[in-house]
């Protein structure tokens, strides 16, 4: 039986209320269920029961050492539908002081940010399969700085991005 997609992620955080407020403000998530020390959030437009679960560890919890001293999660990634959406989120993340990078992976246009506990996440727009070119596909091995204005001129501000992966099939 093949796995089709990631349904949700669960994070341990220091302060659930602070983290909920961040994801609501930064990405428009909404709380669909919770109990003391836990919350379950759904992304706008999602059909999942929840997309992100949060469990509180308390203020004494140390920062994750994943990638520095231990193995563990590097980041989560969410997709947006349009480059306008990506640009709006870039502005919001920048205003919140959470944006830490913006990269052009050729077939994927990505923002990188950190939540209040320093857990990294990605927000990306995927070039639709019907707009892929040999040049775009060849560029996947390199990473360039992201210029959203240039990408909007190239692909259109409201062009719906690819889903999951934008590789032309058959």
Protein backbone atom coordinates (compact mmCIF):
# COMPACT_ATOMS: atom_id res chain seq x y z
CA UNK A 1 0.00 0.00 0.00
CA UNK A 2 1.64 3.26 -1.04
CA UNK A 3 1.57 6.33 1.18
CA UNK A 4 -0.13 9.23 -0.64
CA UNK A 5 0.70 12.32 1.43
CA UNK A 6 1.50 13.66 4.87
CA UNK A 7 -1.75 14.22 6.77
CA UNK A 8 -0.47 16.22 9.76
CA UNK A 9 2.55 17.01 11.89
CA UNK A 10 2.79 17.21 15.68
CA UNK A 11 5.24 19.49 17.47
CA UNK A 12 6.37 19.80 21.06
CA UNK A 13 6.46 23.50 21.99
CA UNK A 14 7.18 25.55 25.09
CA UNK A 15 3.90 27.51 25.16
CA UNK A 16 0.86 26.26 23.23
CA UNK A 17 -1.04 29.57 23.40
CA UNK A 18 1.93 31.55 22.07
CA UNK A 19 2.51 29.05 19.27
CA UNK A 20 -1.19 28.94 18.32
CA UNK A 21 -1.24 32.74 18.14
CA UNK A 22 1.81 32.67 15.87
CA UNK A 23 0.45 30.12 13.39
CA UNK A 24 -2.92 31.88 13.31
CA UNK A 25 -1.27 35.24 12.59
CA UNK A 26 1.46 34.01 10.25
CA UNK A 27 -0.37 31.40 8.17
CA UNK A 28 -4.07 31.79 8.96
CA UNK A 29 -4.41 28.45 10.76
CA UNK A 30 -7.47 27.96 12.97
CA UNK A 31 -7.91 25.89 16.10
CA UNK A 32 -10.24 22.94 15.51
CA UNK A 33 -9.78 21.23 18.87
CA UNK A 34 -7.77 21.52 22.01
CA UNK A 35 -7.43 20.74 25.68
CA UNK A 36 -5.09 22.08 28.37
CA UNK A 37 -1.56 21.87 27.03
CA UNK A 38 -2.56 20.87 23.49
CA UNK A 39 -4.10 22.34 20.35
CA UNK A 40 -4.94 21.02 16.92
CA UNK A 41 -4.87 23.47 14.01
CA UNK A 42 -6.16 23.37 10.46
CA UNK A 43 -4.70 25.31 7.55
CA UNK A 44 -7.02 27.50 5.47
CA UNK A 45 -8.48 25.47 2.63
CA UNK A 46 -7.43 22.14 4.15
CA UNK A 47 -9.71 19.12 4.25
CA UNK A 48 -7.66 17.41 6.95
CA UNK A 49 -9.13 16.92 10.40
CA UNK A 50 -6.09 18.90 11.52
CA UNK A 51 -2.76 19.80 9.91
CA UNK A 52 -0.72 20.68 12.97
CA UNK A 53 -0.85 19.31 16.50
CA UNK A 54 0.88 21.17 19.33
CA UNK A 55 1.79 19.76 22.75
CA UNK A 56 3.13 22.03 25.49
CA UNK A 57 6.40 21.15 27.21
CA UNK A 58 6.69 24.26 29.40
CA UNK A 59 9.10 27.18 29.55
CA UNK A 60 11.89 24.98 30.93
CA UNK A 61 12.11 22.93 27.72
CA UNK A 62 15.39 23.34 25.90
CA UNK A 63 15.72 24.26 22.26
CA UNK A 64 15.83 21.50 19.67
CA UNK A 65 19.35 20.38 18.84
CA UNK A 66 18.24 18.63 15.63
CA UNK A 67 20.76 19.20 12.89
CA UNK A 68 23.29 20.65 15.32
CA UNK A 69 23.85 17.93 17.91
CA UNK A 70 21.07 15.38 17.36
CA UNK A 71 19.07 13.87 14.57
CA UNK A 72 15.50 15.11 14.14
CA UNK A 73 13.16 17.16 12.04
CA UNK A 74 14.67 19.91 9.88
CA UNK A 75 11.46 21.60 8.76
CA UNK A 76 7.83 21.24 7.75
CA UNK A 77 6.65 22.54 4.36
CA UNK A 78 3.27 23.90 3.32
CA UNK A 79 2.16 24.81 -0.20
CA UNK A 80 0.25 27.90 -1.30
CA UNK A 81 -1.88 28.22 -4.43
CA UNK A 82 -0.52 31.42 -5.98
CA UNK A 83 2.52 33.64 -6.03
CA UNK A 84 0.29 36.42 -4.65
CA UNK A 85 -0.35 34.13 -1.66
CA UNK A 86 3.38 33.51 -1.29
CA UNK A 87 4.11 37.24 -1.44
CA UNK A 88 1.47 37.99 1.21
CA UNK A 89 2.91 35.35 3.52
CA UNK A 90 6.44 36.68 2.92
CA UNK A 91 5.27 40.11 4.05
CA UNK A 92 3.50 38.70 7.12
CA UNK A 93 6.47 36.54 8.13
CA UNK A 94 8.83 39.49 7.66
CA UNK A 95 6.59 41.74 9.77
CA UNK A 96 6.62 39.07 12.51
CA UNK A 97 10.42 38.82 12.37
CA UNK A 98 10.08 35.13 11.50
CA UNK A 99 11.32 35.06 7.90
CA UNK A 100 14.83 33.58 7.72
CA UNK A 101 15.22 32.89 3.99
CA UNK A 102 13.69 32.88 0.51
CA UNK A 103 14.96 30.51 -2.17
CA UNK A 104 14.28 29.75 -5.81
CA UNK A 105 14.67 25.99 -6.33
CA UNK A 106 13.68 26.37 -9.99
CA UNK A 107 10.52 24.23 -9.82
CA UNK A 108 9.71 25.43 -6.30
CA UNK A 109 9.65 28.99 -4.91
CA UNK A 110 10.18 28.80 -1.15
CA UNK A 111 10.11 30.91 2.01
CA UNK A 112 11.75 29.72 5.22
CA UNK A 113 10.72 30.90 8.66
CA UNK A 114 10.96 29.98 12.32
CA UNK A 115 8.15 29.79 14.86
CA UNK A 116 8.50 31.17 18.43
CA UNK A 117 10.40 28.03 19.52
CA UNK A 118 12.79 28.24 16.58
CA UNK A 119 11.18 25.33 14.72
CA UNK A 120 11.76 25.94 11.03
CA UNK A 121 9.06 25.65 8.38
CA UNK A 122 8.78 26.28 4.65
CA UNK A 123 6.00 27.82 2.61
CA UNK A 124 6.25 27.16 -1.09
CA UNK A 125 4.64 27.61 -4.50
CA UNK A 126 5.29 24.94 -7.12
CA UNK A 127 5.58 25.68 -10.82
CA UNK A 128 2.64 23.93 -12.51
CA UNK A 129 3.62 20.95 -14.66
CA UNK A 130 2.25 22.57 -17.84
CA UNK A 131 4.63 25.55 -17.35
CA UNK A 132 7.80 23.54 -16.81
CA UNK A 133 10.53 23.99 -19.39
CA UNK A 134 13.77 22.14 -20.01
CA UNK A 135 15.54 25.13 -18.43
CA UNK A 136 13.35 24.97 -15.32
CA UNK A 137 13.90 21.25 -14.89
CA UNK A 138 17.64 21.59 -15.44
CA UNK A 139 17.80 24.27 -12.71
CA UNK A 140 16.55 21.96 -9.95
CA UNK A 141 20.08 21.13 -8.83
CA UNK A 142 20.82 24.76 -7.89
CA UNK A 143 19.40 27.25 -5.43
CA UNK A 144 19.07 30.95 -6.22
CA UNK A 145 17.71 33.89 -4.18
CA UNK A 146 13.94 34.21 -4.63
CA UNK A 147 12.62 37.27 -6.49
CA UNK A 148 8.84 36.99 -6.12
CA UNK A 149 8.16 40.02 -8.34
CA UNK A 150 10.17 38.42 -11.17
CA UNK A 151 8.37 35.09 -10.71
CA UNK A 152 4.98 36.84 -10.78
CA UNK A 153 5.94 38.43 -14.11
CA UNK A 154 7.07 35.07 -15.44
CA UNK A 155 4.20 32.85 -14.23
CA UNK A 156 1.42 35.25 -13.27
CA UNK A 157 0.44 36.44 -9.81
CA UNK A 158 -2.71 34.30 -9.60
CA UNK A 159 -1.58 31.19 -11.50
CA UNK A 160 -2.47 28.13 -9.44
CA UNK A 161 0.67 26.24 -8.50
CA UNK A 162 1.35 22.55 -8.97
CA UNK A 163 0.22 20.13 -6.31
CA UNK A 164 2.72 18.04 -4.37
CA UNK A 165 5.31 17.95 -7.12
CA UNK A 166 5.15 19.69 -10.44
CA UNK A 167 6.69 17.07 -12.69
CA UNK A 168 4.87 16.50 -15.96
CA UNK A 169 3.36 13.02 -16.10
CA UNK A 170 3.21 10.99 -19.35
